[in-house]
Amino acid sequence: MASTLSCGGPGDDDLTVFAASSLTDVLPDLAEAFQEQTGTTITTVFGGSNHLAAQLNDGAAADVFLTADVRLLEQVTTVNRSVSFASNRLVVAVPEGNPAGVSSLADLSRPDLRVVVCDEAVPCGASTSEMGVTIEADSREISVRAVLSRLAMGEADVGVVYATDVTAEPGVEPAWNQLESCPCVTYTAGARTYWALPFLTFLASPPAQEILAGHGFSTRTPG
């Protein structure tokens, strides 16, 4: 899915940003703030980090790649500059009201529950595999937003998403009060054109960090 924020006038510069799907809610606010500072509009394309990297390698045009897996930056062409700008943590989530009574990690192993998680090929799935529990998954989705959607529509009893997803989706809630701990992912921005470098600088700036924190991201990136 692609969307364009184009409040500026004709002739303004434009950047295309490929972004991990878990940034869907925060990136429009970041783009708006960047445009207010610079006059540059942002076109956004969201998806699983691995799928976006594959599109870039197949020739898709983008100025910036925001990924939840820094290793993917080694697979796509960049101008040799990257910025880690936020992190996120996993949460065991359920539909609003927790109708299945999920109360612990062990419930992810229950064969009587409809369990949905990310595929291990994408960052949220790779992190889910580090949770220390055998997961009896009924479905493994290509992005965390797909997991969130199935929970919100009541098509699953329990799933694993990011903390920011639970904040953004009123039809989904944490299964119990979970401590702020890892597994975590760190978001890294890679510039694919030199004129995209100011956007990377912006992501690490106090205004951008404040926006990220307001959406529930940690701005104290691990490592």
N, C-alpha and C. Protein backbone atom coordinates (compact mmCIF):
# COMPACT_ATOMS: atom_id res chain seq x y z
N MET A 1 0.85 -1.19 0.00
CA MET A 1 0.00 0.00 0.00
C MET A 1 0.88 1.23 0.00
N ALA A 2 0.58 2.19 -0.83
CA ALA A 2 1.35 3.42 -0.90
C ALA A 2 0.44 4.60 -0.63
N SER A 3 0.99 5.60 0.03
CA SER A 3 0.23 6.82 0.28
C SER A 3 1.18 7.99 0.18
N THR A 4 0.66 9.14 -0.17
CA THR A 4 1.50 10.33 -0.33
C THR A 4 0.98 11.46 0.52
N LEU A 5 1.87 12.09 1.27
CA LEU A 5 1.54 13.30 1.99
C LEU A 5 2.02 14.45 1.14
N SER A 6 1.12 15.24 0.60
CA SER A 6 1.51 16.23 -0.41
C SER A 6 0.86 17.58 -0.14
N CYS A 7 1.12 18.12 1.06
CA CYS A 7 0.54 19.40 1.42
C CYS A 7 1.29 20.56 0.79
N GLY A 8 2.51 20.30 0.29
CA GLY A 8 3.31 21.38 -0.26
C GLY A 8 2.86 21.77 -1.65
N GLY A 9 3.46 22.82 -2.18
CA GLY A 9 3.09 23.31 -3.49
C GLY A 9 3.84 22.60 -4.59
N PRO A 10 3.51 22.90 -5.83
CA PRO A 10 4.18 22.29 -6.98
C PRO A 10 5.67 22.58 -6.95
N GLY A 11 6.44 21.60 -7.33
CA GLY A 11 7.88 21.78 -7.41
C GLY A 11 8.62 21.41 -6.14
N ASP A 12 7.87 21.09 -5.05
CA ASP A 12 8.55 20.65 -3.84
C ASP A 12 9.25 19.32 -4.10
N ASP A 13 10.35 19.10 -3.40
CA ASP A 13 11.03 17.82 -3.50
C ASP A 13 10.14 16.73 -2.93
N ASP A 14 10.42 15.50 -3.31
CA ASP A 14 9.65 14.36 -2.82
C ASP A 14 10.60 13.20 -2.55
N LEU A 15 10.37 12.49 -1.46
CA LEU A 15 11.12 11.29 -1.13
C LEU A 15 10.17 10.11 -1.06
N THR A 16 10.62 8.97 -1.52
CA THR A 16 9.87 7.72 -1.37
C THR A 16 10.52 6.91 -0.27
N VAL A 17 9.72 6.54 0.72
CA VAL A 17 10.21 5.80 1.89
C VAL A 17 9.54 4.44 1.94
N PHE A 18 10.33 3.37 1.87
CA PHE A 18 9.85 2.01 2.12
C PHE A 18 10.02 1.75 3.61
N ALA A 19 8.93 1.32 4.29
CA ALA A 19 8.96 1.21 5.74
C ALA A 19 8.31 -0.07 6.23
N ALA A 20 8.89 -0.63 7.28
CA ALA A 20 8.31 -1.79 7.95
C ALA A 20 6.88 -1.50 8.36
N SER A 21 6.00 -2.49 8.25
CA SER A 21 4.57 -2.27 8.46
C SER A 21 4.25 -1.79 9.88
N SER A 22 5.11 -2.10 10.85
CA SER A 22 4.86 -1.65 12.22
C SER A 22 5.07 -0.16 12.40
N LEU A 23 5.54 0.52 11.34
CA LEU A 23 5.68 1.97 11.38
C LEU A 23 4.50 2.68 10.71
N THR A 24 3.46 1.94 10.36
CA THR A 24 2.34 2.48 9.61
C THR A 24 1.68 3.67 10.31
N ASP A 25 1.54 3.61 11.62
CA ASP A 25 0.83 4.67 12.33
C ASP A 25 1.69 5.88 12.63
N VAL A 26 2.98 5.68 12.83
CA VAL A 26 3.84 6.79 13.23
C VAL A 26 4.46 7.53 12.05
N LEU A 27 4.71 6.85 10.94
CA LEU A 27 5.44 7.49 9.85
C LEU A 27 4.70 8.69 9.25
N PRO A 28 3.37 8.66 9.11
CA PRO A 28 2.70 9.87 8.61
C PRO A 28 2.97 11.10 9.48
N ASP A 29 3.02 10.93 10.79
CA ASP A 29 3.32 12.06 11.67
C ASP A 29 4.76 12.54 11.50
N LEU A 30 5.68 11.58 11.34
CA LEU A 30 7.07 11.95 11.09
C LEU A 30 7.20 12.68 9.75
N ALA A 31 6.51 12.19 8.74
CA ALA A 31 6.58 12.81 7.42
C ALA A 31 6.02 14.22 7.44
N GLU A 32 4.94 14.41 8.17
CA GLU A 32 4.35 15.74 8.26
C GLU A 32 5.30 16.72 8.93
N ALA A 33 5.94 16.28 10.01
CA ALA A 33 6.89 17.15 10.71
C ALA A 33 8.09 17.47 9.84
N PHE A 34 8.56 16.47 9.09
CA PHE A 34 9.71 16.69 8.19
C PHE A 34 9.34 17.68 7.09
N GLN A 35 8.13 17.55 6.57
CA GLN A 35 7.70 18.46 5.52
C GLN A 35 7.59 19.89 6.05
N GLU A 36 7.11 20.03 7.28
CA GLU A 36 7.02 21.37 7.86
C GLU A 36 8.40 22.02 7.98
N GLN A 37 9.40 21.20 8.24
CA GLN A 37 10.76 21.73 8.39
C GLN A 37 11.43 22.04 7.05
N THR A 38 11.16 21.20 6.05
CA THR A 38 11.97 21.23 4.84
C THR A 38 11.18 21.50 3.56
N GLY A 39 9.86 21.32 3.59
CA GLY A 39 9.07 21.43 2.36
C GLY A 39 9.09 20.17 1.52
N THR A 40 9.74 19.13 1.99
CA THR A 40 9.85 17.88 1.24
C THR A 40 8.69 16.96 1.58
N THR A 41 7.99 16.49 0.57
CA THR A 41 6.90 15.55 0.79
C THR A 41 7.44 14.12 0.82
N ILE A 42 6.67 13.24 1.48
CA ILE A 42 7.07 11.85 1.66
C ILE A 42 6.00 10.94 1.07
N THR A 43 6.41 10.06 0.18
CA THR A 43 5.56 8.97 -0.29
C THR A 43 5.95 7.72 0.48
N THR A 44 4.97 7.06 1.10
CA THR A 44 5.27 5.90 1.95
C THR A 44 4.76 4.61 1.33
N VAL A 45 5.56 3.57 1.45
CA VAL A 45 5.20 2.22 1.03
C VAL A 45 5.49 1.30 2.21
N PHE A 46 4.47 0.61 2.71
CA PHE A 46 4.61 -0.23 3.90
C PHE A 46 4.55 -1.71 3.54
N GLY A 47 5.25 -2.53 4.34
CA GLY A 47 5.20 -3.98 4.16
C GLY A 47 6.15 -4.66 5.12
N GLY A 48 6.19 -5.98 5.08
CA GLY A 48 7.18 -6.70 5.86
C GLY A 48 8.58 -6.33 5.38
N SER A 49 9.51 -6.17 6.31
CA SER A 49 10.87 -5.72 5.94
C SER A 49 11.49 -6.60 4.87
N ASN A 50 11.33 -7.91 4.99
CA ASN A 50 11.94 -8.81 4.02
C ASN A 50 11.34 -8.63 2.63
N HIS A 51 10.03 -8.43 2.58
CA HIS A 51 9.36 -8.28 1.28
C HIS A 51 9.75 -6.95 0.64
N LEU A 52 9.90 -5.92 1.45
CA LEU A 52 10.34 -4.63 0.90
C LEU A 52 11.76 -4.72 0.35
N ALA A 53 12.63 -5.41 1.08
CA ALA A 53 14.00 -5.58 0.60
C ALA A 53 14.02 -6.32 -0.73
N ALA A 54 13.16 -7.33 -0.87
CA ALA A 54 13.09 -8.07 -2.13
C ALA A 54 12.62 -7.16 -3.27
N GLN A 55 11.66 -6.28 -2.98
CA GLN A 55 11.19 -5.35 -4.01
C GLN A 55 12.31 -4.39 -4.43
N LEU A 56 13.08 -3.92 -3.45
CA LEU A 56 14.19 -3.02 -3.76
C LEU A 56 15.23 -3.73 -4.63
N ASN A 57 15.50 -4.97 -4.29
CA ASN A 57 16.48 -5.72 -5.08
C ASN A 57 15.97 -6.02 -6.49
N ASP A 58 14.64 -6.02 -6.65
CA ASP A 58 14.05 -6.24 -7.97
C ASP A 58 13.93 -4.95 -8.77
N GLY A 59 14.41 -3.84 -8.20
CA GLY A 59 14.44 -2.60 -8.96
C GLY A 59 13.46 -1.54 -8.53
N ALA A 60 12.68 -1.77 -7.46
CA ALA A 60 11.75 -0.75 -6.99
C ALA A 60 12.52 0.50 -6.57
N ALA A 61 11.95 1.66 -6.85
CA ALA A 61 12.62 2.92 -6.55
C ALA A 61 12.23 3.42 -5.17
N ALA A 62 13.22 3.70 -4.34
CA ALA A 62 12.98 4.27 -3.02
C ALA A 62 14.22 5.06 -2.61
N ASP A 63 13.99 6.12 -1.86
CA ASP A 63 15.09 6.94 -1.36
C ASP A 63 15.56 6.50 0.02
N VAL A 64 14.64 5.93 0.80
CA VAL A 64 14.94 5.53 2.18
C VAL A 64 14.31 4.18 2.45
N PHE A 65 15.00 3.34 3.19
CA PHE A 65 14.47 2.04 3.63
C PHE A 65 14.50 2.02 5.15
N LEU A 66 13.33 1.94 5.77
CA LEU A 66 13.21 1.83 7.22
C LEU A 66 12.87 0.39 7.55
N THR A 67 13.79 -0.31 8.18
CA THR A 67 13.63 -1.74 8.40
C THR A 67 13.72 -2.10 9.87
N ALA A 68 13.02 -3.17 10.24
CA ALA A 68 13.11 -3.72 11.59
C ALA A 68 14.20 -4.78 11.68
N ASP A 69 14.94 -4.98 10.61
CA ASP A 69 16.05 -5.95 10.60
C ASP A 69 17.24 -5.30 9.90
N VAL A 70 18.19 -4.83 10.69
CA VAL A 70 19.33 -4.08 10.14
C VAL A 70 20.13 -4.91 9.14
N ARG A 71 20.08 -6.23 9.27
CA ARG A 71 20.84 -7.08 8.35
C ARG A 71 20.37 -6.93 6.91
N LEU A 72 19.12 -6.52 6.74
CA LEU A 72 18.59 -6.37 5.38
C LEU A 72 19.25 -5.21 4.64
N LEU A 73 19.80 -4.26 5.39
CA LEU A 73 20.48 -3.14 4.73
C LEU A 73 21.73 -3.61 4.00
N GLU A 74 22.26 -4.76 4.40
CA GLU A 74 23.43 -5.31 3.71
C GLU A 74 23.05 -5.91 2.37
N GLN A 75 21.74 -6.13 2.16
CA GLN A 75 21.28 -6.78 0.94
C GLN A 75 20.79 -5.80 -0.11
N VAL A 76 20.61 -4.54 0.27
CA VAL A 76 20.12 -3.54 -0.68
C VAL A 76 21.16 -2.43 -0.83
N THR A 77 21.10 -1.75 -1.94
CA THR A 77 22.07 -0.68 -2.21
C THR A 77 21.74 0.55 -1.38
N THR A 78 22.72 1.05 -0.63
CA THR A 78 22.55 2.27 0.13
C THR A 78 23.77 3.16 -0.12
N VAL A 79 23.72 4.38 0.43
CA VAL A 79 24.86 5.30 0.25
C VAL A 79 25.77 5.24 1.48
N ASN A 80 25.79 4.06 2.12
CA ASN A 80 26.72 3.78 3.21
C ASN A 80 26.49 4.66 4.43
N ARG A 81 25.24 5.01 4.69
CA ARG A 81 24.92 5.66 5.94
C ARG A 81 23.61 5.10 6.46
N SER A 82 23.57 4.76 7.74
CA SER A 82 22.34 4.28 8.36
C SER A 82 22.22 4.89 9.75
N VAL A 83 20.98 4.94 10.23
CA VAL A 83 20.69 5.52 11.54
C VAL A 83 19.69 4.61 12.26
N SER A 84 20.04 4.15 13.46
CA SER A 84 19.08 3.44 14.31
C SER A 84 18.31 4.47 15.11
N PHE A 85 16.98 4.47 14.98
CA PHE A 85 16.22 5.59 15.50
C PHE A 85 15.15 5.22 16.52
N ALA A 86 14.84 3.94 16.72
CA ALA A 86 13.81 3.55 17.70
C ALA A 86 13.86 2.04 17.88
N SER A 87 13.19 1.58 18.91
CA SER A 87 13.05 0.15 19.12
C SER A 87 11.63 -0.16 19.59
N ASN A 88 11.31 -1.44 19.56
CA ASN A 88 9.97 -1.91 19.90
C ASN A 88 10.10 -3.25 20.59
N ARG A 89 9.09 -3.64 21.33
CA ARG A 89 9.13 -4.92 22.03
C ARG A 89 7.89 -5.73 21.70
N LEU A 90 7.99 -7.03 21.90
CA LEU A 90 6.88 -7.92 21.61
C LEU A 90 5.89 -7.98 22.77
N VAL A 91 4.62 -8.18 22.42
CA VAL A 91 3.56 -8.31 23.41
C VAL A 91 2.65 -9.46 22.97
N VAL A 92 2.28 -10.32 23.92
CA VAL A 92 1.24 -11.32 23.66
C VAL A 92 -0.09 -10.59 23.74
N ALA A 93 -0.84 -10.61 22.64
CA ALA A 93 -2.05 -9.81 22.55
C ALA A 93 -3.26 -10.69 22.26
N VAL A 94 -4.43 -10.15 22.60
CA VAL A 94 -5.70 -10.86 22.43
C VAL A 94 -6.76 -9.88 21.94
N PRO A 95 -7.87 -10.38 21.40
CA PRO A 95 -8.98 -9.49 21.09
C PRO A 95 -9.50 -8.82 22.36
N GLU A 96 -10.10 -7.65 22.20
CA GLU A 96 -10.60 -6.90 23.34
C GLU A 96 -11.50 -7.76 24.22
N GLY A 97 -11.23 -7.72 25.52
CA GLY A 97 -11.99 -8.53 26.48
C GLY A 97 -11.38 -9.88 26.77
N ASN A 98 -10.37 -10.29 25.99
CA ASN A 98 -9.67 -11.55 26.20
C ASN A 98 -10.65 -12.71 26.36
N PRO A 99 -11.49 -12.97 25.33
CA PRO A 99 -12.53 -13.99 25.47
C PRO A 99 -12.01 -15.40 25.74
N ALA A 100 -10.79 -15.72 25.34
CA ALA A 100 -10.25 -17.07 25.58
C ALA A 100 -9.54 -17.18 26.92
N GLY A 101 -9.44 -16.09 27.68
CA GLY A 101 -8.82 -16.14 29.00
C GLY A 101 -7.33 -16.42 28.96
N VAL A 102 -6.62 -15.88 27.99
CA VAL A 102 -5.17 -16.09 27.88
C VAL A 102 -4.48 -15.36 29.03
N SER A 103 -3.55 -16.05 29.71
CA SER A 103 -2.94 -15.45 30.89
C SER A 103 -1.44 -15.66 31.01
N SER A 104 -0.83 -16.41 30.08
CA SER A 104 0.61 -16.65 30.20
C SER A 104 1.19 -17.05 28.86
N LEU A 105 2.53 -17.04 28.78
CA LEU A 105 3.20 -17.49 27.57
C LEU A 105 2.83 -18.92 27.21
N ALA A 106 2.59 -19.75 28.22
CA ALA A 106 2.28 -21.15 27.97
C ALA A 106 1.04 -21.32 27.10
N ASP A 107 0.16 -20.32 27.11
CA ASP A 107 -1.06 -20.42 26.31
C ASP A 107 -0.77 -20.41 24.81
N LEU A 108 0.42 -19.93 24.42
CA LEU A 108 0.78 -19.98 23.00
C LEU A 108 1.00 -21.41 22.52
N SER A 109 1.12 -22.35 23.46
CA SER A 109 1.32 -23.76 23.11
C SER A 109 0.02 -24.55 23.13
N ARG A 110 -1.08 -23.93 23.51
CA ARG A 110 -2.35 -24.64 23.63
C ARG A 110 -2.95 -24.94 22.26
N PRO A 111 -3.16 -26.22 21.94
CA PRO A 111 -3.70 -26.57 20.62
C PRO A 111 -5.17 -26.18 20.46
N ASP A 112 -5.88 -25.90 21.57
CA ASP A 112 -7.29 -25.55 21.48
C ASP A 112 -7.51 -24.07 21.16
N LEU A 113 -6.45 -23.27 21.16
CA LEU A 113 -6.56 -21.85 20.86
C LEU A 113 -6.12 -21.57 19.42
N ARG A 114 -6.72 -20.55 18.85
CA ARG A 114 -6.31 -20.09 17.52
C ARG A 114 -5.16 -19.10 17.71
N VAL A 115 -3.95 -19.56 17.43
CA VAL A 115 -2.74 -18.77 17.67
C VAL A 115 -2.20 -18.25 16.33
N VAL A 116 -1.96 -16.96 16.27
CA VAL A 116 -1.45 -16.35 15.04
C VAL A 116 -0.19 -15.55 15.37
N VAL A 117 0.87 -15.77 14.62
CA VAL A 117 2.13 -15.06 14.81
C VAL A 117 2.69 -14.69 13.45
N CYS A 118 3.78 -13.93 13.45
CA CYS A 118 4.46 -13.60 12.20
C CYS A 118 5.31 -14.77 11.73
N ASP A 119 5.46 -14.87 10.43
CA ASP A 119 6.37 -15.84 9.86
C ASP A 119 7.80 -15.53 10.30
N GLU A 120 8.60 -16.55 10.53
CA GLU A 120 9.96 -16.35 11.02
C GLU A 120 10.85 -15.63 10.01
N ALA A 121 10.41 -15.52 8.76
CA ALA A 121 11.22 -14.84 7.76
C ALA A 121 11.21 -13.33 7.95
N VAL A 122 10.22 -12.79 8.69
CA VAL A 122 10.16 -11.35 8.92
C VAL A 122 10.57 -11.05 10.36
N PRO A 123 11.01 -9.83 10.65
CA PRO A 123 11.59 -9.53 11.97
C PRO A 123 10.69 -9.86 13.16
N CYS A 124 9.39 -9.58 13.06
CA CYS A 124 8.53 -9.88 14.22
C CYS A 124 8.47 -11.37 14.48
N GLY A 125 8.52 -12.18 13.42
CA GLY A 125 8.51 -13.63 13.59
C GLY A 125 9.82 -14.16 14.13
N ALA A 126 10.93 -13.60 13.65
CA ALA A 126 12.24 -14.01 14.16
C ALA A 126 12.34 -13.71 15.65
N SER A 127 11.83 -12.55 16.07
CA SER A 127 11.86 -12.20 17.49
C SER A 127 10.91 -13.08 18.30
N THR A 128 9.76 -13.41 17.72
CA THR A 128 8.80 -14.29 18.40
C THR A 128 9.42 -15.64 18.71
N SER A 129 10.26 -16.12 17.80
CA SER A 129 10.89 -17.43 18.00
C SER A 129 11.87 -17.42 19.17
N GLU A 130 12.22 -16.23 19.67
CA GLU A 130 13.15 -16.10 20.79
C GLU A 130 12.42 -15.99 22.14
N MET A 131 11.11 -16.19 22.16
CA MET A 131 10.35 -15.98 23.38
C MET A 131 10.48 -17.13 24.38
N GLY A 132 11.09 -18.24 23.95
CA GLY A 132 11.34 -19.34 24.88
C GLY A 132 10.16 -20.25 25.11
N VAL A 133 9.24 -20.33 24.16
CA VAL A 133 8.08 -21.20 24.30
C VAL A 133 7.80 -21.82 22.94
N THR A 134 7.34 -23.08 22.95
CA THR A 134 6.93 -23.73 21.72
C THR A 134 5.55 -23.20 21.33
N ILE A 135 5.44 -22.66 20.14
CA ILE A 135 4.20 -22.02 19.70
C ILE A 135 3.45 -22.93 18.74
N GLU A 136 2.21 -23.24 19.09
CA GLU A 136 1.33 -24.02 18.22
C GLU A 136 0.54 -23.04 17.35
N ALA A 137 1.16 -22.57 16.30
CA ALA A 137 0.55 -21.52 15.48
C ALA A 137 -0.40 -22.11 14.44
N ASP A 138 -1.59 -21.51 14.35
CA ASP A 138 -2.53 -21.87 13.30
C ASP A 138 -2.21 -21.12 12.01
N SER A 139 -1.56 -19.98 12.14
CA SER A 139 -1.20 -19.19 10.97
C SER A 139 0.05 -18.39 11.26
N ARG A 140 0.90 -18.29 10.26
CA ARG A 140 2.11 -17.45 10.35
C ARG A 140 2.02 -16.42 9.23
N GLU A 141 1.86 -15.16 9.62
CA GLU A 141 1.56 -14.10 8.67
C GLU A 141 2.83 -13.41 8.16
N ILE A 142 2.69 -12.71 7.02
CA ILE A 142 3.84 -12.09 6.38
C ILE A 142 4.20 -10.74 6.98
N SER A 143 3.35 -10.21 7.88
CA SER A 143 3.67 -8.95 8.55
C SER A 143 2.93 -8.89 9.87
N VAL A 144 3.43 -8.04 10.77
CA VAL A 144 2.80 -7.91 12.08
C VAL A 144 1.43 -7.26 11.95
N ARG A 145 1.21 -6.43 10.95
CA ARG A 145 -0.10 -5.81 10.76
C ARG A 145 -1.14 -6.85 10.39
N ALA A 146 -0.73 -7.90 9.70
CA ALA A 146 -1.66 -8.98 9.37
C ALA A 146 -2.08 -9.73 10.64
N VAL A 147 -1.13 -9.96 11.54
CA VAL A 147 -1.47 -10.59 12.83
C VAL A 147 -2.43 -9.70 13.61
N LEU A 148 -2.13 -8.41 13.66
CA LEU A 148 -2.98 -7.46 14.38
C LEU A 148 -4.39 -7.45 13.81
N SER A 149 -4.51 -7.47 12.50
CA SER A 149 -5.82 -7.45 11.86
C SER A 149 -6.63 -8.68 12.22
N ARG A 150 -6.02 -9.84 12.24
CA ARG A 150 -6.75 -11.07 12.57
C ARG A 150 -7.23 -11.05 14.02
N LEU A 151 -6.41 -10.49 14.90
CA LEU A 151 -6.84 -10.37 16.30
C LEU A 151 -8.01 -9.39 16.42
N ALA A 152 -7.90 -8.26 15.75
CA ALA A 152 -8.94 -7.23 15.84
C ALA A 152 -10.27 -7.73 15.29
N MET A 153 -10.23 -8.59 14.27
CA MET A 153 -11.45 -9.12 13.67
C MET A 153 -11.97 -10.36 14.38
N GLY A 154 -11.28 -10.79 15.46
CA GLY A 154 -11.71 -11.97 16.20
C GLY A 154 -11.44 -13.27 15.50
N GLU A 155 -10.51 -13.26 14.53
CA GLU A 155 -10.17 -14.48 13.81
C GLU A 155 -9.08 -15.28 14.50
N ALA A 156 -8.61 -14.80 15.64
CA ALA A 156 -7.59 -15.50 16.43
C ALA A 156 -7.85 -15.24 17.90
N ASP A 157 -7.46 -16.19 18.74
CA ASP A 157 -7.62 -16.05 20.19
C ASP A 157 -6.45 -15.33 20.82
N VAL A 158 -5.27 -15.49 20.22
CA VAL A 158 -4.06 -14.91 20.79
C VAL A 158 -3.02 -14.78 19.68
N GLY A 159 -2.17 -13.76 19.80
CA GLY A 159 -1.11 -13.57 18.83
C GLY A 159 0.02 -12.78 19.46
N VAL A 160 1.09 -12.61 18.72
CA VAL A 160 2.23 -11.84 19.18
C VAL A 160 2.44 -10.68 18.22
N VAL A 161 2.38 -9.47 18.77
CA VAL A 161 2.57 -8.24 17.98
C VAL A 161 3.53 -7.34 18.74
N TYR A 162 3.74 -6.14 18.22
CA TYR A 162 4.57 -5.17 18.92
C TYR A 162 3.73 -4.34 19.89
N ALA A 163 4.39 -3.80 20.90
CA ALA A 163 3.71 -2.99 21.90
C ALA A 163 2.99 -1.81 21.25
N THR A 164 3.60 -1.21 20.24
CA THR A 164 2.97 -0.07 19.58
C THR A 164 1.71 -0.45 18.83
N ASP A 165 1.62 -1.69 18.34
CA ASP A 165 0.42 -2.14 17.65
C ASP A 165 -0.76 -2.21 18.60
N VAL A 166 -0.52 -2.68 19.81
CA VAL A 166 -1.59 -2.76 20.80
C VAL A 166 -2.07 -1.36 21.17
N THR A 167 -1.14 -0.42 21.24
CA THR A 167 -1.51 0.97 21.54
C THR A 167 -2.38 1.56 20.43
N ALA A 168 -2.07 1.20 19.19
CA ALA A 168 -2.75 1.82 18.05
C ALA A 168 -4.09 1.19 17.72
N GLU A 169 -4.34 -0.05 18.11
CA GLU A 169 -5.55 -0.78 17.71
C GLU A 169 -6.48 -0.97 18.91
N PRO A 170 -7.62 -0.25 18.96
CA PRO A 170 -8.50 -0.34 20.13
C PRO A 170 -9.18 -1.70 20.29
N GLY A 171 -9.22 -2.50 19.23
CA GLY A 171 -9.86 -3.80 19.33
C GLY A 171 -8.95 -4.90 19.83
N VAL A 172 -7.72 -4.53 20.22
CA VAL A 172 -6.73 -5.51 20.69
C VAL A 172 -6.13 -5.00 21.98
N GLU A 173 -5.80 -5.92 22.89
CA GLU A 173 -5.22 -5.55 24.18
C GLU A 173 -4.16 -6.56 24.59
N PRO A 174 -3.26 -6.18 25.51
CA PRO A 174 -2.31 -7.17 26.04
C PRO A 174 -3.06 -8.28 26.77
N ALA A 175 -2.57 -9.51 26.67
CA ALA A 175 -3.24 -10.62 27.34
C ALA A 175 -3.14 -10.51 28.85
N TRP A 176 -2.08 -9.90 29.34
CA TRP A 176 -1.89 -9.61 30.75
C TRP A 176 -0.89 -8.48 30.85
N ASN A 177 -0.64 -8.00 32.04
CA ASN A 177 0.30 -6.88 32.23
C ASN A 177 1.73 -7.39 32.07
N GLN A 178 2.32 -7.16 30.91
CA GLN A 178 3.63 -7.71 30.58
C GLN A 178 4.73 -6.67 30.82
N LEU A 179 5.81 -7.12 31.45
CA LEU A 179 6.92 -6.23 31.74
C LEU A 179 7.60 -5.77 30.46
N GLU A 180 8.21 -4.61 30.51
CA GLU A 180 8.94 -4.09 29.35
C GLU A 180 10.28 -4.81 29.25
N SER A 181 10.30 -5.85 28.45
CA SER A 181 11.52 -6.63 28.29
C SER A 181 11.58 -7.16 26.86
N CYS A 182 12.75 -7.64 26.46
CA CYS A 182 12.92 -8.18 25.13
C CYS A 182 12.43 -9.62 25.10
N PRO A 183 12.18 -10.20 23.88
CA PRO A 183 12.73 -9.84 22.59
C PRO A 183 12.28 -8.47 22.07
N CYS A 184 13.21 -7.79 21.41
CA CYS A 184 12.96 -6.46 20.86
C CYS A 184 13.47 -6.40 19.42
N VAL A 185 13.02 -5.38 18.72
CA VAL A 185 13.59 -5.07 17.41
C VAL A 185 14.04 -3.62 17.41
N THR A 186 15.06 -3.36 16.63
CA THR A 186 15.56 -1.99 16.46
C THR A 186 15.30 -1.56 15.02
N TYR A 187 14.76 -0.37 14.87
CA TYR A 187 14.47 0.17 13.53
C TYR A 187 15.68 0.97 13.04
N THR A 188 16.08 0.66 11.83
CA THR A 188 17.23 1.33 11.23
C THR A 188 16.83 1.91 9.88
N ALA A 189 17.27 3.13 9.63
CA ALA A 189 17.01 3.79 8.35
C ALA A 189 18.26 3.79 7.50
N GLY A 190 18.11 3.37 6.26
CA GLY A 190 19.21 3.42 5.31
C GLY A 190 18.85 4.34 4.14
N ALA A 191 19.75 5.23 3.77
CA ALA A 191 19.52 6.14 2.64
C ALA A 191 19.98 5.47 1.35
N ARG A 192 19.15 5.53 0.33
CA ARG A 192 19.49 4.97 -0.99
C ARG A 192 19.83 6.05 -1.99
N THR A 193 19.61 7.31 -1.62
CA THR A 193 20.02 8.45 -2.45
C THR A 193 20.63 9.50 -1.53
N TYR A 194 21.52 10.32 -2.06
CA TYR A 194 22.18 11.31 -1.22
C TYR A 194 21.21 12.39 -0.75
N TRP A 195 20.19 12.70 -1.55
CA TRP A 195 19.25 13.74 -1.14
C TRP A 195 18.30 13.26 -0.04
N ALA A 196 18.38 11.95 0.31
CA ALA A 196 17.58 11.43 1.42
C ALA A 196 18.29 11.57 2.77
N LEU A 197 19.56 11.94 2.77
CA LEU A 197 20.32 12.00 4.01
C LEU A 197 19.70 12.95 5.05
N PRO A 198 19.14 14.10 4.67
CA PRO A 198 18.52 14.95 5.69
C PRO A 198 17.38 14.26 6.45
N PHE A 199 16.68 13.33 5.79
CA PHE A 199 15.60 12.63 6.48
C PHE A 199 16.16 11.72 7.56
N LEU A 200 17.32 11.09 7.30
CA LEU A 200 17.94 10.26 8.33
C LEU A 200 18.36 11.10 9.52
N THR A 201 18.92 12.27 9.25
CA THR A 201 19.29 13.18 10.33
C THR A 201 18.06 13.57 11.14
N PHE A 202 16.96 13.82 10.44
CA PHE A 202 15.72 14.20 11.12
C PHE A 202 15.23 13.09 12.05
N LEU A 203 15.31 11.84 11.63
CA LEU A 203 14.80 10.73 12.45
C LEU A 203 15.48 10.66 13.81
N ALA A 204 16.73 11.08 13.88
CA ALA A 204 17.46 11.05 15.15
C ALA A 204 17.33 12.34 15.94
N SER A 205 16.60 13.31 15.41
CA SER A 205 16.48 14.61 16.06
C SER A 205 15.44 14.60 17.17
N PRO A 206 15.52 15.52 18.12
CA PRO A 206 14.54 15.56 19.23
C PRO A 206 13.09 15.62 18.77
N PRO A 207 12.71 16.42 17.76
CA PRO A 207 11.29 16.43 17.35
C PRO A 207 10.81 15.06 16.88
N ALA A 208 11.62 14.36 16.10
CA ALA A 208 11.23 13.03 15.62
C ALA A 208 11.19 12.03 16.76
N GLN A 209 12.15 12.09 17.65
CA GLN A 209 12.17 11.18 18.78
C GLN A 209 10.96 11.38 19.69
N GLU A 210 10.52 12.62 19.82
CA GLU A 210 9.32 12.90 20.62
C GLU A 210 8.07 12.29 19.97
N ILE A 211 7.99 12.38 18.65
CA ILE A 211 6.86 11.78 17.94
C ILE A 211 6.87 10.26 18.12
N LEU A 212 8.03 9.65 17.98
CA LEU A 212 8.15 8.20 18.14
C LEU A 212 7.74 7.77 19.55
N ALA A 213 8.22 8.49 20.55
CA ALA A 213 7.87 8.17 21.93
C ALA A 213 6.37 8.31 22.16
N GLY A 214 5.75 9.30 21.53
CA GLY A 214 4.33 9.50 21.66
C GLY A 214 3.51 8.35 21.10
N HIS A 215 4.08 7.61 20.16
CA HIS A 215 3.42 6.43 19.59
C HIS A 215 3.82 5.15 20.31
N GLY A 216 4.57 5.26 21.39
CA GLY A 216 4.91 4.08 22.19
C GLY A 216 6.22 3.42 21.87
N PHE A 217 7.00 3.98 20.94
CA PHE A 217 8.30 3.40 20.63
C PHE A 217 9.31 3.81 21.70
N SER A 218 10.27 2.95 21.95
CA SER A 218 11.39 3.31 22.80
C SER A 218 12.42 4.01 21.94
N THR A 219 12.91 5.14 22.42
CA THR A 219 13.95 5.87 21.68
C THR A 219 15.32 5.62 22.27
N ARG A 220 15.41 4.68 23.19
CA ARG A 220 16.70 4.23 23.73
C ARG A 220 17.01 2.91 23.04
N THR A 221 17.54 2.98 21.83
CA THR A 221 17.72 1.79 21.02
C THR A 221 18.76 0.87 21.64
N PRO A 222 18.50 -0.46 21.66
CA PRO A 222 19.44 -1.41 22.25
C PRO A 222 20.79 -1.36 21.55
N GLY A 223 21.85 -1.59 22.30
CA GLY A 223 23.19 -1.66 21.72
C GLY A 223 23.74 -0.31 21.39
